[in-house]
Amino acid sequence: MRKESDRESLLNERAGDIVPLLCDIVHEDQVQELGRAVAARTETLDALVNNAGSAFAAPMN
């Protein structure tokens, strides 16, 4: 999730159903921490949603 406020909102709405975790895959330390966080919560991973992307704004000529 991009913003901590989005994470908090989702946790309040779906408490217990999901575990949203922040991770920027450009930073290896964050990827390692993501793995540790998942392993600490469960032995299996049922679903992973990769919501990565970028946007580039430019004038239309």
PDB file of N, CA and C in Angstrom:
ATOM      1  N   MET A   1       0.844  -1.161   0.000  1.00  0.00           N
ATOM      2  CA  MET A   1       0.000   0.000   0.000  1.00  0.00           C
ATOM      3  C   MET A   1       0.893   1.228   0.000  1.00  0.00           C
ATOM      4  N   ARG A   2       0.474   2.201  -0.735  1.00  0.00           N
ATOM      5  CA  ARG A   2       1.297   3.386  -0.894  1.00  0.00           C
ATOM      6  C   ARG A   2       1.337   4.277   0.339  1.00  0.00           C
ATOM      7  N   LYS A   3       0.190   4.437   0.982  1.00  0.00           N
ATOM      8  CA  LYS A   3       0.130   5.381   2.098  1.00  0.00           C
ATOM      9  C   LYS A   3      -0.255   4.656   3.380  1.00  0.00           C
ATOM     10  N   GLU A   4       0.378   5.043   4.438  1.00  0.00           N
ATOM     11  CA  GLU A   4       0.071   4.461   5.744  1.00  0.00           C
ATOM     12  C   GLU A   4      -1.396   4.678   6.110  1.00  0.00           C
ATOM     13  N   SER A   5      -1.963   5.825   5.716  1.00  0.00           N
ATOM     14  CA  SER A   5      -3.371   6.092   6.028  1.00  0.00           C
ATOM     15  C   SER A   5      -4.286   5.096   5.309  1.00  0.00           C
ATOM     16  N   ASP A   6      -3.932   4.694   4.086  1.00  0.00           N
ATOM     17  CA  ASP A   6      -4.715   3.683   3.371  1.00  0.00           C
ATOM     18  C   ASP A   6      -4.648   2.352   4.105  1.00  0.00           C
ATOM     19  N   ARG A   7      -3.481   2.027   4.590  1.00  0.00           N
ATOM     20  CA  ARG A   7      -3.288   0.771   5.333  1.00  0.00           C
ATOM     21  C   ARG A   7      -4.160   0.761   6.577  1.00  0.00           C
ATOM     22  N   GLU A   8      -4.141   1.853   7.316  1.00  0.00           N
ATOM     23  CA  GLU A   8      -4.928   1.935   8.547  1.00  0.00           C
ATOM     24  C   GLU A   8      -6.425   1.830   8.248  1.00  0.00           C
ATOM     25  N   SER A   9      -6.874   2.479   7.207  1.00  0.00           N
ATOM     26  CA  SER A   9      -8.285   2.430   6.830  1.00  0.00           C
ATOM     27  C   SER A   9      -8.700   1.008   6.475  1.00  0.00           C
ATOM     28  N   LEU A  10      -7.876   0.328   5.708  1.00  0.00           N
ATOM     29  CA  LEU A  10      -8.177  -1.044   5.310  1.00  0.00           C
ATOM     30  C   LEU A  10      -8.177  -1.981   6.514  1.00  0.00           C
ATOM     31  N   LEU A  11      -7.244  -1.791   7.421  1.00  0.00           N
ATOM     32  CA  LEU A  11      -7.209  -2.619   8.631  1.00  0.00           C
ATOM     33  C   LEU A  11      -8.479  -2.444   9.454  1.00  0.00           C
ATOM     34  N   ASN A  12      -8.971  -1.215   9.544  1.00  0.00           N
ATOM     35  CA  ASN A  12     -10.193  -0.960  10.302  1.00  0.00           C
ATOM     36  C   ASN A  12     -11.406  -1.598   9.641  1.00  0.00           C
ATOM     37  N   GLU A  13     -11.458  -1.578   8.313  1.00  0.00           N
ATOM     38  CA  GLU A  13     -12.590  -2.138   7.584  1.00  0.00           C
ATOM     39  C   GLU A  13     -12.598  -3.662   7.584  1.00  0.00           C
ATOM     40  N   ARG A  14     -11.440  -4.290   7.477  1.00  0.00           N
ATOM     41  CA  ARG A  14     -11.367  -5.740   7.276  1.00  0.00           C
ATOM     42  C   ARG A  14     -10.517  -6.436   8.335  1.00  0.00           C
ATOM     43  N   ALA A  15     -10.533  -5.964   9.526  1.00  0.00           N
ATOM     44  CA  ALA A  15      -9.710  -6.522  10.606  1.00  0.00           C
ATOM     45  C   ALA A  15      -9.868  -8.033  10.683  1.00  0.00           C
ATOM     46  N   GLY A  16      -8.752  -8.730  10.684  1.00  0.00           N
ATOM     47  CA  GLY A  16      -8.752 -10.178  10.804  1.00  0.00           C
ATOM     48  C   GLY A  16      -8.802 -10.927   9.487  1.00  0.00           C
ATOM     49  N   ASP A  17      -9.306 -10.302   8.434  1.00  0.00           N
ATOM     50  CA  ASP A  17      -9.421 -10.958   7.137  1.00  0.00           C
ATOM     51  C   ASP A  17      -8.136 -10.881   6.319  1.00  0.00           C
ATOM     52  N   ILE A  18      -7.479  -9.739   6.415  1.00  0.00           N
ATOM     53  CA  ILE A  18      -6.312  -9.487   5.578  1.00  0.00           C
ATOM     54  C   ILE A  18      -5.208  -8.833   6.397  1.00  0.00           C
ATOM     55  N   VAL A  19      -3.999  -8.893   5.863  1.00  0.00           N
ATOM     56  CA  VAL A  19      -2.859  -8.232   6.493  1.00  0.00           C
ATOM     57  C   VAL A  19      -2.164  -7.402   5.423  1.00  0.00           C
ATOM     58  N   PRO A  20      -2.469  -6.110   5.337  1.00  0.00           N
ATOM     59  CA  PRO A  20      -1.794  -5.268   4.348  1.00  0.00           C
ATOM     60  C   PRO A  20      -0.391  -4.897   4.835  1.00  0.00           C
ATOM     61  N   LEU A  21       0.588  -5.060   3.977  1.00  0.00           N
ATOM     62  CA  LEU A  21       1.969  -4.749   4.324  1.00  0.00           C
ATOM     63  C   LEU A  21       2.559  -3.817   3.276  1.00  0.00           C
ATOM     64  N   LEU A  22       3.336  -2.853   3.723  1.00  0.00           N
ATOM     65  CA  LEU A  22       4.006  -1.919   2.824  1.00  0.00           C
ATOM     66  C   LEU A  22       5.340  -2.504   2.388  1.00  0.00           C
ATOM     67  N   CYS A  23       5.651  -2.378   1.091  1.00  0.00           N
ATOM     68  CA  CYS A  23       6.939  -2.853   0.608  1.00  0.00           C
ATOM     69  C   CYS A  23       7.252  -2.211  -0.731  1.00  0.00           C
ATOM     70  N   ASP A  24       8.405  -1.584  -0.818  1.00  0.00           N
ATOM     71  CA  ASP A  24       8.897  -1.052  -2.086  1.00  0.00           C
ATOM     72  C   ASP A  24       9.982  -2.012  -2.551  1.00  0.00           C
ATOM     73  N   ILE A  25       9.712  -2.763  -3.615  1.00  0.00           N
ATOM     74  CA  ILE A  25      10.636  -3.821  -4.036  1.00  0.00           C
ATOM     75  C   ILE A  25      11.972  -3.294  -4.537  1.00  0.00           C
ATOM     76  N   VAL A  26      12.092  -1.990  -4.687  1.00  0.00           N
ATOM     77  CA  VAL A  26      13.369  -1.391  -5.057  1.00  0.00           C
ATOM     78  C   VAL A  26      14.358  -1.500  -3.891  1.00  0.00           C
ATOM     79  N   HIS A  27      13.825  -1.586  -2.678  1.00  0.00           N
ATOM     80  CA  HIS A  27      14.657  -1.629  -1.473  1.00  0.00           C
ATOM     81  C   HIS A  27      14.699  -3.063  -0.928  1.00  0.00           C
ATOM     82  N   GLU A  28      15.835  -3.712  -1.086  1.00  0.00           N
ATOM     83  CA  GLU A  28      15.963  -5.106  -0.683  1.00  0.00           C
ATOM     84  C   GLU A  28      15.632  -5.319   0.785  1.00  0.00           C
ATOM     85  N   ASP A  29      15.981  -4.376   1.644  1.00  0.00           N
ATOM     86  CA  ASP A  29      15.675  -4.530   3.063  1.00  0.00           C
ATOM     87  C   ASP A  29      14.173  -4.606   3.308  1.00  0.00           C
ATOM     88  N   GLN A  30      13.376  -3.864   2.532  1.00  0.00           N
ATOM     89  CA  GLN A  30      11.925  -3.935   2.677  1.00  0.00           C
ATOM     90  C   GLN A  30      11.378  -5.280   2.199  1.00  0.00           C
ATOM     91  N   VAL A  31      11.985  -5.832   1.157  1.00  0.00           N
ATOM     92  CA  VAL A  31      11.566  -7.149   0.662  1.00  0.00           C
ATOM     93  C   VAL A  31      11.878  -8.213   1.710  1.00  0.00           C
ATOM     94  N   GLN A  32      13.043  -8.138   2.314  1.00  0.00           N
ATOM     95  CA  GLN A  32      13.415  -9.085   3.361  1.00  0.00           C
ATOM     96  C   GLN A  32      12.462  -8.971   4.553  1.00  0.00           C
ATOM     97  N   GLU A  33      12.143  -7.753   4.942  1.00  0.00           N
ATOM     98  CA  GLU A  33      11.224  -7.534   6.064  1.00  0.00           C
ATOM     99  C   GLU A  33       9.831  -8.060   5.734  1.00  0.00           C
ATOM    100  N   LEU A  34       9.390  -7.901   4.495  1.00  0.00           N
ATOM    101  CA  LEU A  34       8.103  -8.444   4.072  1.00  0.00           C
ATOM    102  C   LEU A  34       8.080  -9.956   4.250  1.00  0.00           C
ATOM    103  N   GLY A  35       9.135 -10.621   3.830  1.00  0.00           N
ATOM    104  CA  GLY A  35       9.228 -12.072   4.009  1.00  0.00           C
ATOM    105  C   GLY A  35       9.170 -12.477   5.467  1.00  0.00           C
ATOM    106  N   ARG A  36       9.880 -11.757   6.306  1.00  0.00           N
ATOM    107  CA  ARG A  36       9.867 -12.058   7.744  1.00  0.00           C
ATOM    108  C   ARG A  36       8.478 -11.832   8.339  1.00  0.00           C
ATOM    109  N   ALA A  37       7.816 -10.761   7.923  1.00  0.00           N
ATOM    110  CA  ALA A  37       6.482 -10.444   8.451  1.00  0.00           C
ATOM    111  C   ALA A  37       5.473 -11.522   8.061  1.00  0.00           C
ATOM    112  N   VAL A  38       5.540 -12.001   6.836  1.00  0.00           N
ATOM    113  CA  VAL A  38       4.630 -13.062   6.393  1.00  0.00           C
ATOM    114  C   VAL A  38       4.923 -14.347   7.156  1.00  0.00           C
ATOM    115  N   ALA A  39       6.184 -14.713   7.256  1.00  0.00           N
ATOM    116  CA  ALA A  39       6.570 -15.949   7.948  1.00  0.00           C
ATOM    117  C   ALA A  39       6.182 -15.910   9.419  1.00  0.00           C
ATOM    118  N   ALA A  40       6.198 -14.743  10.035  1.00  0.00           N
ATOM    119  CA  ALA A  40       5.832 -14.617  11.446  1.00  0.00           C
ATOM    120  C   ALA A  40       4.332 -14.806  11.663  1.00  0.00           C
ATOM    121  N   ARG A  41       3.538 -14.552  10.635  1.00  0.00           N
ATOM    122  CA  ARG A  41       2.088 -14.619  10.777  1.00  0.00           C
ATOM    123  C   ARG A  41       1.495 -15.955  10.360  1.00  0.00           C
ATOM    124  N   THR A  42       2.142 -16.656   9.454  1.00  0.00           N
ATOM    125  CA  THR A  42       1.528 -17.858   8.902  1.00  0.00           C
ATOM    126  C   THR A  42       2.576 -18.795   8.306  1.00  0.00           C
ATOM    127  N   GLU A  43       2.215 -20.069   8.187  1.00  0.00           N
ATOM    128  CA  GLU A  43       3.104 -21.031   7.531  1.00  0.00           C
ATOM    129  C   GLU A  43       2.882 -21.060   6.028  1.00  0.00           C
ATOM    130  N   THR A  44       1.715 -20.602   5.593  1.00  0.00           N
ATOM    131  CA  THR A  44       1.399 -20.581   4.165  1.00  0.00           C
ATOM    132  C   THR A  44       0.910 -19.204   3.758  1.00  0.00           C
ATOM    133  N   LEU A  45       1.037 -18.919   2.496  1.00  0.00           N
ATOM    134  CA  LEU A  45       0.559 -17.661   1.946  1.00  0.00           C
ATOM    135  C   LEU A  45      -0.572 -17.997   0.983  1.00  0.00           C
ATOM    136  N   ASP A  46      -1.795 -17.594   1.327  1.00  0.00           N
ATOM    137  CA  ASP A  46      -2.965 -17.928   0.520  1.00  0.00           C
ATOM    138  C   ASP A  46      -3.106 -17.037  -0.707  1.00  0.00           C
ATOM    139  N   ALA A  47      -2.771 -15.782  -0.572  1.00  0.00           N
ATOM    140  CA  ALA A  47      -2.902 -14.852  -1.698  1.00  0.00           C
ATOM    141  C   ALA A  47      -1.928 -13.694  -1.519  1.00  0.00           C
ATOM    142  N   LEU A  48      -1.434 -13.208  -2.627  1.00  0.00           N
ATOM    143  CA  LEU A  48      -0.553 -12.048  -2.625  1.00  0.00           C
ATOM    144  C   LEU A  48      -1.022 -11.115  -3.722  1.00  0.00           C
ATOM    145  N   VAL A  49      -1.315  -9.883  -3.373  1.00  0.00           N
ATOM    146  CA  VAL A  49      -1.731  -8.895  -4.359  1.00  0.00           C
ATOM    147  C   VAL A  49      -0.580  -7.923  -4.544  1.00  0.00           C
ATOM    148  N   ASN A  50      -0.059  -7.895  -5.746  1.00  0.00           N
ATOM    149  CA  ASN A  50       1.015  -6.979  -6.086  1.00  0.00           C
ATOM    150  C   ASN A  50       0.383  -5.777  -6.775  1.00  0.00           C
ATOM    151  N   ASN A  51       0.302  -4.687  -6.065  1.00  0.00           N
ATOM    152  CA  ASN A  51      -0.323  -3.485  -6.608  1.00  0.00           C
ATOM    153  C   ASN A  51       0.754  -2.467  -6.922  1.00  0.00           C
ATOM    154  N   ALA A  52       1.590  -2.823  -7.882  1.00  0.00           N
ATOM    155  CA  ALA A  52       2.698  -1.942  -8.247  1.00  0.00           C
ATOM    156  C   ALA A  52       2.378  -1.247  -9.564  1.00  0.00           C
ATOM    157  N   GLY A  53       2.894  -0.083  -9.695  1.00  0.00           N
ATOM    158  CA  GLY A  53       2.700   0.640 -10.952  1.00  0.00           C
ATOM    159  C   GLY A  53       3.265   2.029 -10.846  1.00  0.00           C
ATOM    160  N   SER A  54       3.263   2.690 -11.951  1.00  0.00           N
ATOM    161  CA  SER A  54       3.721   4.071 -11.963  1.00  0.00           C
ATOM    162  C   SER A  54       2.938   4.833 -13.027  1.00  0.00           C
ATOM    163  N   ALA A  55       2.929   6.100 -12.881  1.00  0.00           N
ATOM    164  CA  ALA A  55       2.212   6.949 -13.828  1.00  0.00           C
ATOM    165  C   ALA A  55       3.119   8.103 -14.252  1.00  0.00           C
ATOM    166  N   PHE A  56       3.032   8.433 -15.487  1.00  0.00           N
ATOM    167  CA  PHE A  56       3.831   9.535 -16.017  1.00  0.00           C
ATOM    168  C   PHE A  56       2.879  10.528 -16.670  1.00  0.00           C
ATOM    169  N   ALA A  57       2.896  11.736 -16.185  1.00  0.00           N
ATOM    170  CA  ALA A  57       2.029  12.764 -16.740  1.00  0.00           C
ATOM    171  C   ALA A  57       2.816  13.616 -17.719  1.00  0.00           C
ATOM    172  N   ALA A  58       2.197  13.883 -18.855  1.00  0.00           N
ATOM    173  CA  ALA A  58       2.839  14.747 -19.860  1.00  0.00           C
ATOM    174  C   ALA A  58       1.733  15.456 -20.628  1.00  0.00           C
ATOM    175  N   PRO A  59       1.999  16.645 -21.070  1.00  0.00           N
ATOM    176  CA  PRO A  59       0.993  17.366 -21.857  1.00  0.00           C
ATOM    177  C   PRO A  59       0.736  16.663 -23.191  1.00  0.00           C
ATOM    178  N   MET A  60      -0.510  16.691 -23.617  1.00  0.00           N
ATOM    179  CA  MET A  60      -0.857  16.122 -24.916  1.00  0.00           C
ATOM    180  C   MET A  60      -0.722  17.227 -25.953  1.00  0.00           C
ATOM    181  N   ASN A  61       0.104  17.042 -26.907  1.00  0.00           N
ATOM    182  CA  ASN A  61       0.315  18.040 -27.970  1.00  0.00           C
ATOM    183  C   ASN A  61      -0.205  17.538 -29.278  1.00  0.00           C
TER     184      ASN A  61
END
